[in-house]
C-alpha atoms as a PDB file:
ATOM      1  CA  UNK A   1      23.166 -34.646  83.048  1.00  0.00           C
ATOM      2  CA  UNK A   2      23.996 -35.935  87.070  1.00  0.00           C
ATOM      3  CA  UNK A   3      23.612 -39.374  88.249  1.00  0.00           C
ATOM      4  CA  UNK A   4      21.426 -39.516  91.436  1.00  0.00           C
ATOM      5  CA  UNK A   5      20.864 -42.298  93.937  1.00  0.00           C
ATOM      6  CA  UNK A   6      17.898 -44.503  93.521  1.00  0.00           C
ATOM      7  CA  UNK A   7      15.042 -42.332  95.533  1.00  0.00           C
ATOM      8  CA  UNK A   8      16.154 -39.041  94.355  1.00  0.00           C
ATOM      9  CA  UNK A   9      13.330 -37.544  91.938  1.00  0.00           C
ATOM     10  CA  UNK A  10      15.286 -34.910  89.983  1.00  0.00           C
ATOM     11  CA  UNK A  11      18.646 -33.967  88.364  1.00  0.00           C
ATOM     12  CA  UNK A  12      20.341 -31.355  86.618  1.00  0.00           C
ATOM     13  CA  UNK A  13      21.378 -31.287  82.921  1.00  0.00           C
ATOM     14  CA  UNK A  14      24.714 -29.340  82.116  1.00  0.00           C
ATOM     15  CA  UNK A  15      26.506 -29.002  78.500  1.00  0.00           C
ATOM     16  CA  UNK A  16      27.260 -25.937  75.850  1.00  0.00           C
ATOM     17  CA  UNK A  17      24.919 -25.037  72.921  1.00  0.00           C
ATOM     18  CA  UNK A  18      26.534 -23.333  70.547  1.00  0.00           C
ATOM     19  CA  UNK A  19      24.530 -21.119  67.930  1.00  0.00           C
ATOM     20  CA  UNK A  20      26.266 -20.777  64.330  1.00  0.00           C
ATOM     21  CA  UNK A  21      23.270 -18.725  63.225  1.00  0.00           C
ATOM     22  CA  UNK A  22      22.479 -14.886  62.610  1.00  0.00           C
ATOM     23  CA  UNK A  23      19.881 -15.118  65.048  1.00  0.00           C
ATOM     24  CA  UNK A  24      19.036 -15.655  68.961  1.00  0.00           C
ATOM     25  CA  UNK A  25      17.823 -19.133  69.610  1.00  0.00           C
ATOM     26  CA  UNK A  26      15.211 -18.565  72.531  1.00  0.00           C
ATOM     27  CA  UNK A  27      14.293 -22.206  74.278  1.00  0.00           C
ATOM     28  CA  UNK A  28      11.428 -21.786  76.100  1.00  0.00           C
ATOM     29  CA  UNK A  29      11.032 -25.720  76.994  1.00  0.00           C
ATOM     30  CA  UNK A  30      12.477 -28.630  78.116  1.00  0.00           C
ATOM     31  CA  UNK A  31      11.445 -32.048  78.896  1.00  0.00           C
ATOM     32  CA  UNK A  32      12.558 -35.866  78.770  1.00  0.00           C
ATOM     33  CA  UNK A  33      11.096 -38.817  78.451  1.00  0.00           C
ATOM     34  CA  UNK A  34      12.489 -40.389  81.550  1.00  0.00           C
ATOM     35  CA  UNK A  35      11.090 -37.780  83.544  1.00  0.00           C
ATOM     36  CA  UNK A  36       7.595 -36.057  84.227  1.00  0.00           C
ATOM     37  CA  UNK A  37       8.793 -32.326  83.640  1.00  0.00           C
ATOM     38  CA  UNK A  38      11.687 -30.256  82.650  1.00  0.00           C
ATOM     39  CA  UNK A  39      12.626 -26.653  83.735  1.00  0.00           C
ATOM     40  CA  UNK A  40      14.617 -23.989  82.356  1.00  0.00           C
ATOM     41  CA  UNK A  41      16.409 -22.311  85.368  1.00  0.00           C
ATOM     42  CA  UNK A  42      18.427 -19.437  86.172  1.00  0.00           C
ATOM     43  CA  UNK A  43      20.864 -18.735  89.030  1.00  0.00           C
ATOM     44  CA  UNK A  44      21.450 -15.434  90.253  1.00  0.00           C
ATOM     45  CA  UNK A  45      22.974 -13.971  93.094  1.00  0.00           C
ATOM     46  CA  UNK A  46      21.348 -11.758  95.071  1.00  0.00           C
ATOM     47  CA  UNK A  47      23.224  -8.660  96.817  1.00  0.00           C
ATOM     48  CA  UNK A  48      24.168 -10.217 100.153  1.00  0.00           C
ATOM     49  CA  UNK A  49      26.290 -12.440  98.025  1.00  0.00           C
ATOM     50  CA  UNK A  50      23.861 -15.374  98.215  1.00  0.00           C
ATOM     51  CA  UNK A  51      22.897 -17.984  95.214  1.00  0.00           C
ATOM     52  CA  UNK A  52      19.761 -18.884  94.093  1.00  0.00           C
ATOM     53  CA  UNK A  53      18.063 -20.691  91.144  1.00  0.00           C
ATOM     54  CA  UNK A  54      14.387 -20.101  89.988  1.00  0.00           C
ATOM     55  CA  UNK A  55      12.433 -20.961  86.807  1.00  0.00           C
ATOM     56  CA  UNK A  56      12.456 -19.372  84.089  1.00  0.00           C
ATOM     57  CA  UNK A  57      10.429 -18.765  80.945  1.00  0.00           C
ATOM     58  CA  UNK A  58      13.500 -18.420  78.770  1.00  0.00           C
ATOM     59  CA  UNK A  59      17.077 -19.124  78.006  1.00  0.00           C
ATOM     60  CA  UNK A  60      18.752 -17.468  75.188  1.00  0.00           C
ATOM     61  CA  UNK A  61      21.418 -18.866  72.994  1.00  0.00           C
ATOM     62  CA  UNK A  62      22.746 -15.521  71.038  1.00  0.00           C
ATOM     63  CA  UNK A  63      23.468 -15.540  67.727  1.00  0.00           C
ATOM     64  CA  UNK A  64      26.754 -16.443  66.720  1.00  0.00           C
ATOM     65  CA  UNK A  65      27.599 -17.262  70.111  1.00  0.00           C
ATOM     66  CA  UNK A  66      26.928 -20.074  73.213  1.00  0.00           C
ATOM     67  CA  UNK A  67      24.805 -20.708  76.155  1.00  0.00           C
ATOM     68  CA  UNK A  68      26.754 -22.704  78.845  1.00  0.00           C
ATOM     69  CA  UNK A  69      24.568 -24.738  80.600  1.00  0.00           C
ATOM     70  CA  UNK A  70      26.622 -25.238  84.481  1.00  0.00           C
ATOM     71  CA  UNK A  71      25.617 -26.524  88.041  1.00  0.00           C
ATOM     72  CA  UNK A  72      26.656 -22.793  89.171  1.00  0.00           C
ATOM     73  CA  UNK A  73      24.671 -21.050  86.159  1.00  0.00           C
ATOM     74  CA  UNK A  74      21.618 -21.621  84.137  1.00  0.00           C
ATOM     75  CA  UNK A  75      20.883 -25.377  83.606  1.00  0.00           C
ATOM     76  CA  UNK A  76      17.914 -27.526  82.642  1.00  0.00           C
ATOM     77  CA  UNK A  77      16.157 -29.454  85.778  1.00  0.00           C
ATOM     78  CA  UNK A  78      14.004 -32.420  85.217  1.00  0.00           C
ATOM     79  CA  UNK A  79      11.594 -33.348  87.896  1.00  0.00           C
ATOM     80  CA  UNK A  80       9.601 -36.668  88.474  1.00  0.00           C
ATOM     81  CA  UNK A  81      12.243 -39.269  87.081  1.00  0.00           C
ATOM     82  CA  UNK A  82      10.247 -42.289  86.144  1.00  0.00           C
ATOM     83  CA  UNK A  83      13.667 -44.418  86.344  1.00  0.00           C
ATOM     84  CA  UNK A  84      16.653 -44.497  88.500  1.00  0.00           C
ATOM     85  CA  UNK A  85      19.772 -42.272  86.298  1.00  0.00           C
ATOM     86  CA  UNK A  86      23.016 -44.190  86.689  1.00  0.00           C
ATOM     87  CA  UNK A  87      26.328 -43.493  86.022  1.00  0.00           C
ATOM     88  CA  UNK A  88      27.420 -44.072  82.421  1.00  0.00           C
ATOM     89  CA  UNK A  89      23.697 -44.399  81.119  1.00  0.00           C
ATOM     90  CA  UNK A  90      22.345 -41.605  78.682  1.00  0.00           C
ATOM     91  CA  UNK A  91      18.485 -40.198  78.629  1.00  0.00           C
ATOM     92  CA  UNK A  92      17.023 -37.908  75.634  1.00  0.00           C
ATOM     93  CA  UNK A  93      16.470 -34.174  76.498  1.00  0.00           C
ATOM     94  CA  UNK A  94      14.550 -32.335  74.219  1.00  0.00           C
ATOM     95  CA  UNK A  95      14.740 -28.225  73.892  1.00  0.00           C
ATOM     96  CA  UNK A  96      12.226 -26.462  72.298  1.00  0.00           C
ATOM     97  CA  UNK A  97      12.324 -22.786  71.173  1.00  0.00           C
ATOM     98  CA  UNK A  98      10.127 -20.222  70.259  1.00  0.00           C
ATOM     99  CA  UNK A  99       9.803 -20.541  66.721  1.00  0.00           C
ATOM    100  CA  UNK A 100       8.542 -23.981  67.423  1.00  0.00           C
ATOM    101  CA  UNK A 101      11.194 -25.951  66.701  1.00  0.00           C
ATOM    102  CA  UNK A 102      12.754 -28.986  68.945  1.00  0.00           C
ATOM    103  CA  UNK A 103      16.215 -30.753  69.408  1.00  0.00           C
ATOM    104  CA  UNK A 104      16.653 -34.059  70.898  1.00  0.00           C
ATOM    105  CA  UNK A 105      19.633 -34.873  72.315  1.00  0.00           C
ATOM    106  CA  UNK A 106      21.202 -37.786  73.573  1.00  0.00           C
ATOM    107  CA  UNK A 107      22.669 -36.974  76.518  1.00  0.00           C
ATOM    108  CA  UNK A 108      25.562 -39.053  78.792  1.00  0.00           C
ATOM    109  CA  UNK A 109      24.958 -39.586  82.513  1.00  0.00           C
ATOM    110  CA  UNK A 110      28.182 -38.655  84.759  1.00  0.00           C
ATOM    111  CA  UNK A 111      28.710 -38.951  88.638  1.00  0.00           C
ATOM    112  CA  UNK A 112      29.214 -35.270  89.880  1.00  0.00           C
END
């Protein structure tokens, strides 16, 4: 997770999610006790080469594969932060999938 200065109310979460199972895991939600809402984001490049991001309903961790969440690709965005996100701290982030399962990760906070 990206550390942000006081007054900034959103941050991004990056990392690698591995799926050792035989079926895709389709993520359909994200959230944290430290934020009012969480969003799954995709990054895209248009025909002119301009890059942007937009909210998406799902992200897939392929069976036997991985999903990389990065500053230049797909990621989780937390908005409405309820406290400063400081370098060296941690924040819980919960991911949910279309099967109704949830996974809560303790995510380290780092400066970019």
